[in-house]
């Protein structure tokens, strides 16, 4: 079934109304987006202007005892060497063998 001339006449008269309705829909969506952006901006400004409350830690108010008797503690700026060698770097478990001719000979035979 094809388009009749009377249908085209009706269509052309209604095009202006359809165009206005579509323009209003686009403007409404744009206005909604702008208002949402304004709300987000206000929330962000409010959040930045407020003082943030820190996380509460249950152990924050407790006093911790130092290890040791306090007599052999190092003063400020002094380092205390541990007798068990914890401060020294650990030695590797495997031995590394290096070849003195490494990188000096190029084998081009495929």
PDB file of N, CA and C in Angstrom:
ATOM      1  N   UNK A   1       0.843  -1.173   0.000  1.00  0.00           N
ATOM      2  CA  UNK A   1       0.000   0.000   0.000  1.00  0.00           C
ATOM      3  C   UNK A   1       0.894   1.243   0.000  1.00  0.00           C
ATOM      4  N   UNK A   2       0.759   2.072  -0.947  1.00  0.00           N
ATOM      5  CA  UNK A   2       1.583   3.253  -1.116  1.00  0.00           C
ATOM      6  C   UNK A   2       1.029   4.443  -0.353  1.00  0.00           C
ATOM      7  N   UNK A   3       1.727   5.561  -0.465  1.00  0.00           N
ATOM      8  CA  UNK A   3       1.300   6.784   0.208  1.00  0.00           C
ATOM      9  C   UNK A   3       0.371   7.547  -0.740  1.00  0.00           C
ATOM     10  N   UNK A   4      -0.762   7.905  -0.210  1.00  0.00           N
ATOM     11  CA  UNK A   4      -1.750   8.653  -0.978  1.00  0.00           C
ATOM     12  C   UNK A   4      -1.472  10.150  -0.863  1.00  0.00           C
ATOM     13  N   UNK A   5      -1.917  10.931  -1.862  1.00  0.00           N
ATOM     14  CA  UNK A   5      -1.689  12.387  -1.805  1.00  0.00           C
ATOM     15  C   UNK A   5      -2.314  13.045  -0.572  1.00  0.00           C
ATOM     16  N   UNK A   6      -3.442  12.540  -0.125  1.00  0.00           N
ATOM     17  CA  UNK A   6      -4.081  13.131   1.046  1.00  0.00           C
ATOM     18  C   UNK A   6      -3.227  12.916   2.301  1.00  0.00           C
ATOM     19  N   UNK A   7      -2.539  11.779   2.347  1.00  0.00           N
ATOM     20  CA  UNK A   7      -1.647  11.507   3.477  1.00  0.00           C
ATOM     21  C   UNK A   7      -0.471  12.491   3.492  1.00  0.00           C
ATOM     22  N   UNK A   8       0.045  12.812   2.289  1.00  0.00           N
ATOM     23  CA  UNK A   8       1.141  13.767   2.199  1.00  0.00           C
ATOM     24  C   UNK A   8       0.703  15.157   2.639  1.00  0.00           C
ATOM     25  N   UNK A   9      -0.545  15.558   2.266  1.00  0.00           N
ATOM     26  CA  UNK A   9      -1.051  16.862   2.680  1.00  0.00           C
ATOM     27  C   UNK A   9      -1.128  16.945   4.209  1.00  0.00           C
ATOM     28  N   UNK A  10      -1.609  15.893   4.824  1.00  0.00           N
ATOM     29  CA  UNK A  10      -1.731  15.860   6.282  1.00  0.00           C
ATOM     30  C   UNK A  10      -0.345  15.866   6.926  1.00  0.00           C
ATOM     31  N   UNK A  11       0.566  15.117   6.345  1.00  0.00           N
ATOM     32  CA  UNK A  11       1.923  15.034   6.872  1.00  0.00           C
ATOM     33  C   UNK A  11       2.610  16.389   6.825  1.00  0.00           C
ATOM     34  N   UNK A  12       2.486  17.095   5.711  1.00  0.00           N
ATOM     35  CA  UNK A  12       3.159  18.381   5.586  1.00  0.00           C
ATOM     36  C   UNK A  12       2.583  19.420   6.552  1.00  0.00           C
ATOM     37  N   UNK A  13       1.313  19.370   6.821  1.00  0.00           N
ATOM     38  CA  UNK A  13       0.726  20.341   7.750  1.00  0.00           C
ATOM     39  C   UNK A  13       1.128  20.036   9.190  1.00  0.00           C
ATOM     40  N   UNK A  14       1.412  18.786   9.485  1.00  0.00           N
ATOM     41  CA  UNK A  14       1.757  18.392  10.851  1.00  0.00           C
ATOM     42  C   UNK A  14       3.265  18.463  11.136  1.00  0.00           C
ATOM     43  N   UNK A  15       4.100  18.672  10.104  1.00  0.00           N
ATOM     44  CA  UNK A  15       5.547  18.700  10.289  1.00  0.00           C
ATOM     45  C   UNK A  15       5.989  19.789  11.271  1.00  0.00           C
ATOM     46  N   UNK A  16       5.337  20.949  11.227  1.00  0.00           N
ATOM     47  CA  UNK A  16       5.720  22.034  12.117  1.00  0.00           C
ATOM     48  C   UNK A  16       5.468  21.644  13.576  1.00  0.00           C
ATOM     49  N   UNK A  17       4.340  21.008  13.827  1.00  0.00           N
ATOM     50  CA  UNK A  17       4.012  20.584  15.196  1.00  0.00           C
ATOM     51  C   UNK A  17       4.984  19.505  15.683  1.00  0.00           C
ATOM     52  N   UNK A  18       5.341  18.586  14.818  1.00  0.00           N
ATOM     53  CA  UNK A  18       6.271  17.522  15.181  1.00  0.00           C
ATOM     54  C   UNK A  18       7.649  18.107  15.473  1.00  0.00           C
ATOM     55  N   UNK A  19       8.083  19.058  14.658  1.00  0.00           N
ATOM     56  CA  UNK A  19       9.380  19.700  14.863  1.00  0.00           C
ATOM     57  C   UNK A  19       9.424  20.445  16.188  1.00  0.00           C
ATOM     58  N   UNK A  20       8.333  21.148  16.534  1.00  0.00           N
ATOM     59  CA  UNK A  20       8.286  21.874  17.800  1.00  0.00           C
ATOM     60  C   UNK A  20       8.318  20.906  18.983  1.00  0.00           C
ATOM     61  N   UNK A  21       7.615  19.798  18.864  1.00  0.00           N
ATOM     62  CA  UNK A  21       7.579  18.807  19.949  1.00  0.00           C
ATOM     63  C   UNK A  21       8.970  18.201  20.163  1.00  0.00           C
ATOM     64  N   UNK A  22       9.655  17.911  19.064  1.00  0.00           N
ATOM     65  CA  UNK A  22      10.997  17.357  19.197  1.00  0.00           C
ATOM     66  C   UNK A  22      11.966  18.370  19.802  1.00  0.00           C
ATOM     67  N   UNK A  23      11.833  19.628  19.418  1.00  0.00           N
ATOM     68  CA  UNK A  23      12.701  20.669  19.966  1.00  0.00           C
ATOM     69  C   UNK A  23      12.452  20.832  21.464  1.00  0.00           C
ATOM     70  N   UNK A  24      11.193  20.757  21.883  1.00  0.00           N
ATOM     71  CA  UNK A  24      10.864  20.866  23.308  1.00  0.00           C
ATOM     72  C   UNK A  24      11.433  19.685  24.097  1.00  0.00           C
ATOM     73  N   UNK A  25      11.373  18.505  23.504  1.00  0.00           N
ATOM     74  CA  UNK A  25      11.940  17.332  24.174  1.00  0.00           C
ATOM     75  C   UNK A  25      13.449  17.485  24.352  1.00  0.00           C
ATOM     76  N   UNK A  26      14.132  17.963  23.339  1.00  0.00           N
ATOM     77  CA  UNK A  26      15.576  18.146  23.434  1.00  0.00           C
ATOM     78  C   UNK A  26      15.922  19.214  24.467  1.00  0.00           C
ATOM     79  N   UNK A  27      15.154  20.307  24.484  1.00  0.00           N
ATOM     80  CA  UNK A  27      15.407  21.362  25.461  1.00  0.00           C
ATOM     81  C   UNK A  27      15.133  20.870  26.880  1.00  0.00           C
ATOM     82  N   UNK A  28      14.090  20.048  27.044  1.00  0.00           N
ATOM     83  CA  UNK A  28      13.784  19.501  28.368  1.00  0.00           C
ATOM     84  C   UNK A  28      14.901  18.604  28.879  1.00  0.00           C
ATOM     85  N   UNK A  29      15.446  17.777  28.000  1.00  0.00           N
ATOM     86  CA  UNK A  29      16.550  16.905  28.388  1.00  0.00           C
ATOM     87  C   UNK A  29      17.789  17.731  28.732  1.00  0.00           C
ATOM     88  N   UNK A  30      18.016  18.792  27.970  1.00  0.00           N
ATOM     89  CA  UNK A  30      19.161  19.657  28.210  1.00  0.00           C
ATOM     90  C   UNK A  30      19.012  20.401  29.541  1.00  0.00           C
ATOM     91  N   UNK A  31      17.814  20.862  29.832  1.00  0.00           N
ATOM     92  CA  UNK A  31      17.568  21.560  31.090  1.00  0.00           C
ATOM     93  C   UNK A  31      17.718  20.611  32.279  1.00  0.00           C
ATOM     94  N   UNK A  32      17.249  19.381  32.135  1.00  0.00           N
ATOM     95  CA  UNK A  32      17.396  18.396  33.209  1.00  0.00           C
ATOM     96  C   UNK A  32      18.870  18.107  33.466  1.00  0.00           C
ATOM     97  N   UNK A  33      19.650  17.996  32.413  1.00  0.00           N
ATOM     98  CA  UNK A  33      21.079  17.747  32.563  1.00  0.00           C
ATOM     99  C   UNK A  33      21.765  18.935  33.241  1.00  0.00           C
ATOM    100  N   UNK A  34      21.399  20.159  32.842  1.00  0.00           N
ATOM    101  CA  UNK A  34      21.987  21.350  33.453  1.00  0.00           C
ATOM    102  C   UNK A  34      21.641  21.449  34.935  1.00  0.00           C
ATOM    103  N   UNK A  35      20.399  21.131  35.287  1.00  0.00           N
ATOM    104  CA  UNK A  35      20.011  21.198  36.697  1.00  0.00           C
ATOM    105  C   UNK A  35      20.750  20.127  37.506  1.00  0.00           C
ATOM    106  N   UNK A  36      20.943  18.951  36.936  1.00  0.00           N
ATOM    107  CA  UNK A  36      21.689  17.904  37.627  1.00  0.00           C
ATOM    108  C   UNK A  36      23.147  18.322  37.822  1.00  0.00           C
ATOM    109  N   UNK A  37      23.730  18.974  36.835  1.00  0.00           N
ATOM    110  CA  UNK A  37      25.101  19.458  36.962  1.00  0.00           C
ATOM    111  C   UNK A  37      25.196  20.527  38.053  1.00  0.00           C
ATOM    112  N   UNK A  38      24.197  21.404  38.146  1.00  0.00           N
ATOM    113  CA  UNK A  38      24.185  22.425  39.197  1.00  0.00           C
ATOM    114  C   UNK A  38      24.108  21.797  40.577  1.00  0.00           C
ATOM    115  N   UNK A  39      23.262  20.776  40.727  1.00  0.00           N
ATOM    116  CA  UNK A  39      23.137  20.085  42.015  1.00  0.00           C
ATOM    117  C   UNK A  39      24.462  19.416  42.380  1.00  0.00           C
ATOM    118  N   UNK A  40      25.088  18.769  41.423  1.00  0.00           N
ATOM    119  CA  UNK A  40      26.381  18.121  41.674  1.00  0.00           C
ATOM    120  C   UNK A  40      27.450  19.143  42.054  1.00  0.00           C
ATOM    121  N   UNK A  41      27.445  20.294  41.391  1.00  0.00           N
ATOM    122  CA  UNK A  41      28.414  21.339  41.692  1.00  0.00           C
ATOM    123  C   UNK A  41      28.202  21.876  43.106  1.00  0.00           C
ATOM    124  N   UNK A  42      26.952  22.089  43.503  1.00  0.00           N
ATOM    125  CA  UNK A  42      26.663  22.572  44.849  1.00  0.00           C
ATOM    126  C   UNK A  42      27.080  21.560  45.913  1.00  0.00           C
ATOM    127  N   UNK A  43      26.824  20.293  45.647  1.00  0.00           N
ATOM    128  CA  UNK A  43      27.229  19.250  46.591  1.00  0.00           C
ATOM    129  C   UNK A  43      28.744  19.204  46.732  1.00  0.00           C
ATOM    130  N   UNK A  44      29.459  19.343  45.618  1.00  0.00           N
ATOM    131  CA  UNK A  44      30.919  19.313  45.654  1.00  0.00           C
ATOM    132  C   UNK A  44      31.459  20.516  46.422  1.00  0.00           C
ATOM    133  N   UNK A  45      30.895  21.689  46.210  1.00  0.00           N
ATOM    134  CA  UNK A  45      31.330  22.885  46.940  1.00  0.00           C
ATOM    135  C   UNK A  45      31.061  22.732  48.435  1.00  0.00           C
ATOM    136  N   UNK A  46      29.913  22.175  48.775  1.00  0.00           N
ATOM    137  CA  UNK A  46      29.567  21.969  50.183  1.00  0.00           C
ATOM    138  C   UNK A  46      30.516  20.970  50.835  1.00  0.00           C
ATOM    139  N   UNK A  47      30.827  19.905  50.123  1.00  0.00           N
ATOM    140  CA  UNK A  47      31.732  18.887  50.648  1.00  0.00           C
ATOM    141  C   UNK A  47      33.135  19.453  50.858  1.00  0.00           C
ATOM    142  N   UNK A  48      33.593  20.323  49.936  1.00  0.00           N
ATOM    143  CA  UNK A  48      34.927  20.913  50.057  1.00  0.00           C
ATOM    144  C   UNK A  48      34.992  21.961  51.173  1.00  0.00           C
ATOM    145  N   UNK A  49      33.879  22.617  51.453  1.00  0.00           N
ATOM    146  CA  UNK A  49      33.898  23.661  52.473  1.00  0.00           C
ATOM    147  C   UNK A  49      33.779  23.102  53.888  1.00  0.00           C
ATOM    148  N   UNK A  50      33.295  21.890  54.041  1.00  0.00           N
ATOM    149  CA  UNK A  50      33.152  21.281  55.359  1.00  0.00           C
ATOM    150  C   UNK A  50      34.459  20.655  55.816  1.00  0.00           C
ATOM    151  N   UNK A  51      34.612  20.567  57.123  1.00  0.00           N
ATOM    152  CA  UNK A  51      35.769  19.887  57.704  1.00  0.00           C
ATOM    153  C   UNK A  51      35.458  18.400  57.712  1.00  0.00           C
ATOM    154  N   UNK A  52      36.373  17.630  57.183  1.00  0.00           N
ATOM    155  CA  UNK A  52      36.173  16.191  57.105  1.00  0.00           C
ATOM    156  C   UNK A  52      36.493  15.545  58.441  1.00  0.00           C
ATOM    157  N   UNK A  53      35.653  14.637  58.885  1.00  0.00           N
ATOM    158  CA  UNK A  53      35.885  13.923  60.129  1.00  0.00           C
ATOM    159  C   UNK A  53      36.792  12.733  59.845  1.00  0.00           C
ATOM    160  N   UNK A  54      37.792  12.570  60.696  1.00  0.00           N
ATOM    161  CA  UNK A  54      38.735  11.489  60.472  1.00  0.00           C
ATOM    162  C   UNK A  54      38.129  10.168  60.919  1.00  0.00           C
ATOM    163  N   UNK A  55      38.675   9.093  60.383  1.00  0.00           N
ATOM    164  CA  UNK A  55      38.236   7.762  60.780  1.00  0.00           C
ATOM    165  C   UNK A  55      38.684   7.506  62.208  1.00  0.00           C
ATOM    166  N   UNK A  56      37.792   6.945  62.991  1.00  0.00           N
ATOM    167  CA  UNK A  56      38.161   6.659  64.372  1.00  0.00           C
ATOM    168  C   UNK A  56      38.799   5.281  64.440  1.00  0.00           C
ATOM    169  N   UNK A  57      39.873   5.220  65.185  1.00  0.00           N
ATOM    170  CA  UNK A  57      40.602   3.974  65.355  1.00  0.00           C
ATOM    171  C   UNK A  57      40.497   3.586  66.817  1.00  0.00           C
ATOM    172  N   UNK A  58      40.146   2.355  67.090  1.00  0.00           N
ATOM    173  CA  UNK A  58      39.962   1.912  68.469  1.00  0.00           C
ATOM    174  C   UNK A  58      41.263   1.969  69.255  1.00  0.00           C
ATOM    175  N   UNK A  59      42.390   1.750  68.599  1.00  0.00           N
ATOM    176  CA  UNK A  59      43.676   1.727  69.277  1.00  0.00           C
ATOM    177  C   UNK A  59      44.345   3.094  69.306  1.00  0.00           C
ATOM    178  N   UNK A  60      43.686   4.135  68.856  1.00  0.00           N
ATOM    179  CA  UNK A  60      44.329   5.443  68.753  1.00  0.00           C
ATOM    180  C   UNK A  60      44.654   6.023  70.128  1.00  0.00           C
ATOM    181  N   UNK A  61      43.838   5.769  71.143  1.00  0.00           N
ATOM    182  CA  UNK A  61      44.067   6.356  72.453  1.00  0.00           C
ATOM    183  C   UNK A  61      44.898   5.501  73.377  1.00  0.00           C
ATOM    184  N   UNK A  62      45.310   4.341  72.958  1.00  0.00           N
ATOM    185  CA  UNK A  62      46.065   3.454  73.840  1.00  0.00           C
ATOM    186  C   UNK A  62      47.548   3.776  73.796  1.00  0.00           C
ATOM    187  N   UNK A  63      48.225   3.494  74.915  1.00  0.00           N
ATOM    188  CA  UNK A  63      49.660   3.715  75.018  1.00  0.00           C
ATOM    189  C   UNK A  63      50.353   2.387  74.782  1.00  0.00           C
ATOM    190  N   UNK A  64      51.329   2.388  73.894  1.00  0.00           N
ATOM    191  CA  UNK A  64      52.060   1.164  73.599  1.00  0.00           C
ATOM    192  C   UNK A  64      53.397   1.195  74.317  1.00  0.00           C
ATOM    193  N   UNK A  65      53.758   0.066  74.872  1.00  0.00           N
ATOM    194  CA  UNK A  65      55.038  -0.059  75.571  1.00  0.00           C
ATOM    195  C   UNK A  65      56.147  -0.282  74.553  1.00  0.00           C
ATOM    196  N   UNK A  66      57.341   0.259  74.843  1.00  0.00           N
ATOM    197  CA  UNK A  66      58.492   0.025  73.982  1.00  0.00           C
ATOM    198  C   UNK A  66      59.094  -1.324  74.307  1.00  0.00           C
ATOM    199  N   UNK A  67      59.715  -1.904  73.301  1.00  0.00           N
ATOM    200  CA  UNK A  67      60.391  -3.176  73.515  1.00  0.00           C
ATOM    201  C   UNK A  67      61.720  -2.924  74.202  1.00  0.00           C
ATOM    202  N   UNK A  68      62.122  -3.791  75.108  1.00  0.00           N
ATOM    203  CA  UNK A  68      63.401  -3.647  75.797  1.00  0.00           C
ATOM    204  C   UNK A  68      63.210  -2.978  77.147  1.00  0.00           C
ATOM    205  N   UNK A  69      64.292  -2.879  77.891  1.00  0.00           N
ATOM    206  CA  UNK A  69      64.195  -2.326  79.231  1.00  0.00           C
ATOM    207  C   UNK A  69      64.395  -0.812  79.256  1.00  0.00           C
ATOM    208  N   UNK A  70      64.776  -0.222  78.147  1.00  0.00           N
ATOM    209  CA  UNK A  70      64.924   1.215  78.084  1.00  0.00           C
ATOM    210  C   UNK A  70      66.334   1.681  78.354  1.00  0.00           C
ATOM    211  N   UNK A  71      67.205   0.843  78.889  1.00  0.00           N
ATOM    212  CA  UNK A  71      68.571   1.253  79.205  1.00  0.00           C
ATOM    213  C   UNK A  71      69.439   1.329  77.961  1.00  0.00           C
ATOM    214  N   UNK A  72      69.279   0.395  77.056  1.00  0.00           N
ATOM    215  CA  UNK A  72      70.148   0.320  75.884  1.00  0.00           C
ATOM    216  C   UNK A  72      69.548   0.999  74.669  1.00  0.00           C
ATOM    217  N   UNK A  73      68.502   1.790  74.852  1.00  0.00           N
ATOM    218  CA  UNK A  73      67.886   2.448  73.707  1.00  0.00           C
ATOM    219  C   UNK A  73      68.813   3.491  73.122  1.00  0.00           C
ATOM    220  N   UNK A  74      68.797   3.593  71.825  1.00  0.00           N
ATOM    221  CA  UNK A  74      69.637   4.570  71.151  1.00  0.00           C
ATOM    222  C   UNK A  74      68.982   5.932  71.263  1.00  0.00           C
ATOM    223  N   UNK A  75      69.787   6.952  71.385  1.00  0.00           N
ATOM    224  CA  UNK A  75      69.283   8.309  71.481  1.00  0.00           C
ATOM    225  C   UNK A  75      68.887   8.814  70.113  1.00  0.00           C
ATOM    226  N   UNK A  76      68.386  10.040  70.065  1.00  0.00           N
ATOM    227  CA  UNK A  76      68.004  10.583  68.761  1.00  0.00           C
ATOM    228  C   UNK A  76      69.227  10.775  67.878  1.00  0.00           C
ATOM    229  N   UNK A  77      69.125  10.362  66.661  1.00  0.00           N
ATOM    230  CA  UNK A  77      70.220  10.502  65.717  1.00  0.00           C
ATOM    231  C   UNK A  77      71.228   9.376  65.771  1.00  0.00           C
ATOM    232  N   UNK A  78      71.084   8.469  66.706  1.00  0.00           N
ATOM    233  CA  UNK A  78      72.008   7.340  66.806  1.00  0.00           C
ATOM    234  C   UNK A  78      71.335   6.094  66.253  1.00  0.00           C
ATOM    235  N   UNK A  79      72.133   5.229  65.676  1.00  0.00           N
ATOM    236  CA  UNK A  79      71.605   3.960  65.180  1.00  0.00           C
ATOM    237  C   UNK A  79      72.021   2.865  66.117  1.00  0.00           C
ATOM    238  N   UNK A  80      71.099   1.960  66.332  1.00  0.00           N
ATOM    239  CA  UNK A  80      71.377   0.842  67.219  1.00  0.00           C
ATOM    240  C   UNK A  80      71.557  -0.401  66.363  1.00  0.00           C
ATOM    241  N   UNK A  81      72.712  -1.035  66.451  1.00  0.00           N
ATOM    242  CA  UNK A  81      72.980  -2.248  65.696  1.00  0.00           C
ATOM    243  C   UNK A  81      72.358  -3.430  66.417  1.00  0.00           C
ATOM    244  N   UNK A  82      71.683  -4.247  65.685  1.00  0.00           N
ATOM    245  CA  UNK A  82      71.067  -5.434  66.267  1.00  0.00           C
ATOM    246  C   UNK A  82      72.060  -6.580  66.214  1.00  0.00           C
ATOM    247  N   UNK A  83      72.194  -7.308  67.296  1.00  0.00           N
ATOM    248  CA  UNK A  83      73.167  -8.404  67.314  1.00  0.00           C
ATOM    249  C   UNK A  83      72.781  -9.572  66.424  1.00  0.00           C
ATOM    250  N   UNK A  84      71.494  -9.743  66.156  1.00  0.00           N
ATOM    251  CA  UNK A  84      71.080 -10.885  65.336  1.00  0.00           C
ATOM    252  C   UNK A  84      71.226 -10.600  63.841  1.00  0.00           C
ATOM    253  N   UNK A  85      71.650  -9.425  63.465  1.00  0.00           N
ATOM    254  CA  UNK A  85      71.931  -9.121  62.063  1.00  0.00           C
ATOM    255  C   UNK A  85      70.688  -8.874  61.229  1.00  0.00           C
ATOM    256  N   UNK A  86      69.583  -8.432  61.836  1.00  0.00           N
ATOM    257  CA  UNK A  86      68.361  -8.188  61.063  1.00  0.00           C
ATOM    258  C   UNK A  86      68.517  -7.009  60.123  1.00  0.00           C
ATOM    259  N   UNK A  87      69.379  -6.072  60.478  1.00  0.00           N
ATOM    260  CA  UNK A  87      69.551  -4.886  59.653  1.00  0.00           C
ATOM    261  C   UNK A  87      70.389  -5.147  58.419  1.00  0.00           C
ATOM    262  N   UNK A  88      71.174  -6.192  58.403  1.00  0.00           N
ATOM    263  CA  UNK A  88      72.031  -6.496  57.267  1.00  0.00           C
ATOM    264  C   UNK A  88      71.211  -7.155  56.159  1.00  0.00           C
ATOM    265  N   UNK A  89      71.567  -6.917  54.893  1.00  0.00           N
ATOM    266  CA  UNK A  89      70.817  -7.555  53.808  1.00  0.00           C
ATOM    267  C   UNK A  89      71.076  -9.060  53.786  1.00  0.00           C
ATOM    268  N   UNK A  90      70.055  -9.793  53.449  1.00  0.00           N
ATOM    269  CA  UNK A  90      70.169 -11.254  53.402  1.00  0.00           C
ATOM    270  C   UNK A  90      70.990 -11.675  52.194  1.00  0.00           C
ATOM    271  N   UNK A  91      71.812 -12.708  52.361  1.00  0.00           N
ATOM    272  CA  UNK A  91      72.615 -13.207  51.254  1.00  0.00           C
ATOM    273  C   UNK A  91      71.747 -14.103  50.379  1.00  0.00           C
ATOM    274  N   UNK A  92      72.020 -14.126  49.069  1.00  0.00           N
ATOM    275  CA  UNK A  92      71.198 -14.960  48.180  1.00  0.00           C
ATOM    276  C   UNK A  92      71.395 -16.449  48.470  1.00  0.00           C
ATOM    277  N   UNK A  93      70.360 -17.234  48.208  1.00  0.00           N
ATOM    278  CA  UNK A  93      70.398 -18.673  48.453  1.00  0.00           C
ATOM    279  C   UNK A  93      71.209 -19.424  47.392  1.00  0.00           C
ATOM    280  N   UNK A  94      71.392 -18.832  46.230  1.00  0.00           N
ATOM    281  CA  UNK A  94      72.102 -19.521  45.157  1.00  0.00           C
ATOM    282  C   UNK A  94      73.338 -18.701  44.756  1.00  0.00           C
ATOM    283  N   UNK A  95      74.311 -19.414  44.188  1.00  0.00           N
ATOM    284  CA  UNK A  95      75.551 -18.768  43.775  1.00  0.00           C
ATOM    285  C   UNK A  95      75.417 -18.320  42.325  1.00  0.00           C
ATOM    286  N   UNK A  96      75.857 -17.112  42.051  1.00  0.00           N
ATOM    287  CA  UNK A  96      75.794 -16.579  40.699  1.00  0.00           C
ATOM    288  C   UNK A  96      77.173 -16.728  40.067  1.00  0.00           C
ATOM    289  N   UNK A  97      77.224 -17.397  38.911  1.00  0.00           N
ATOM    290  CA  UNK A  97      78.476 -17.613  38.193  1.00  0.00           C
ATOM    291  C   UNK A  97      78.485 -16.676  36.995  1.00  0.00           C
ATOM    292  N   UNK A  98      79.544 -15.910  36.875  1.00  0.00           N
ATOM    293  CA  UNK A  98      79.641 -14.955  35.771  1.00  0.00           C
ATOM    294  C   UNK A  98      80.776 -15.406  34.824  1.00  0.00           C
ATOM    295  N   UNK A  99      80.527 -15.307  33.526  1.00  0.00           N
ATOM    296  CA  UNK A  99      81.505 -15.664  32.505  1.00  0.00           C
ATOM    297  C   UNK A  99      82.233 -14.395  32.070  1.00  0.00           C
ATOM    298  N   UNK A 100      83.569 -14.365  32.153  1.00  0.00           N
ATOM    299  CA  UNK A 100      84.299 -13.150  31.757  1.00  0.00           C
ATOM    300  C   UNK A 100      84.196 -12.876  30.255  1.00  0.00           C
ATOM    301  N   UNK A 101      83.898 -13.879  29.454  1.00  0.00           N
ATOM    302  CA  UNK A 101      83.811 -13.666  28.001  1.00  0.00           C
ATOM    303  C   UNK A 101      82.369 -13.412  27.555  1.00  0.00           C
ATOM    304  N   UNK A 102      81.483 -13.201  28.493  1.00  0.00           N
ATOM    305  CA  UNK A 102      80.065 -13.006  28.173  1.00  0.00           C
ATOM    306  C   UNK A 102      79.892 -11.729  27.359  1.00  0.00           C
ATOM    307  N   UNK A 103      79.283 -11.851  26.202  1.00  0.00           N
ATOM    308  CA  UNK A 103      78.998 -10.710  25.346  1.00  0.00           C
ATOM    309  C   UNK A 103      80.131 -10.336  24.402  1.00  0.00           C
ATOM    310  N   UNK A 104      81.235 -11.057  24.433  1.00  0.00           N
ATOM    311  CA  UNK A 104      82.358 -10.709  23.574  1.00  0.00           C
ATOM    312  C   UNK A 104      82.411 -11.557  22.313  1.00  0.00           C
ATOM    313  N   UNK A 105      81.772 -12.701  22.306  1.00  0.00           N
ATOM    314  CA  UNK A 105      81.770 -13.587  21.157  1.00  0.00           C
ATOM    315  C   UNK A 105      80.349 -13.692  20.627  1.00  0.00           C
ATOM    316  N   UNK A 106      80.215 -13.509  19.306  1.00  0.00           N
ATOM    317  CA  UNK A 106      78.915 -13.582  18.673  1.00  0.00           C
ATOM    318  C   UNK A 106      78.925 -14.775  17.737  1.00  0.00           C
ATOM    319  N   UNK A 107      77.985 -15.699  17.932  1.00  0.00           N
ATOM    320  CA  UNK A 107      77.879 -16.884  17.090  1.00  0.00           C
ATOM    321  C   UNK A 107      76.882 -16.607  15.989  1.00  0.00           C
ATOM    322  N   UNK A 108      77.348 -16.456  14.741  1.00  0.00           N
ATOM    323  CA  UNK A 108      76.448 -16.168  13.622  1.00  0.00           C
ATOM    324  C   UNK A 108      76.124 -17.398  12.808  1.00  0.00           C
ATOM    325  N   UNK A 109      76.628 -18.568  13.227  1.00  0.00           N
ATOM    326  CA  UNK A 109      76.294 -19.782  12.478  1.00  0.00           C
ATOM    327  C   UNK A 109      74.935 -20.263  12.978  1.00  0.00           C
ATOM    328  N   UNK A 110      73.981 -20.322  12.078  1.00  0.00           N
ATOM    329  CA  UNK A 110      72.598 -20.623  12.417  1.00  0.00           C
ATOM    330  C   UNK A 110      72.433 -21.934  12.970  1.00  0.00           C
TER     331      UNK A 110
END
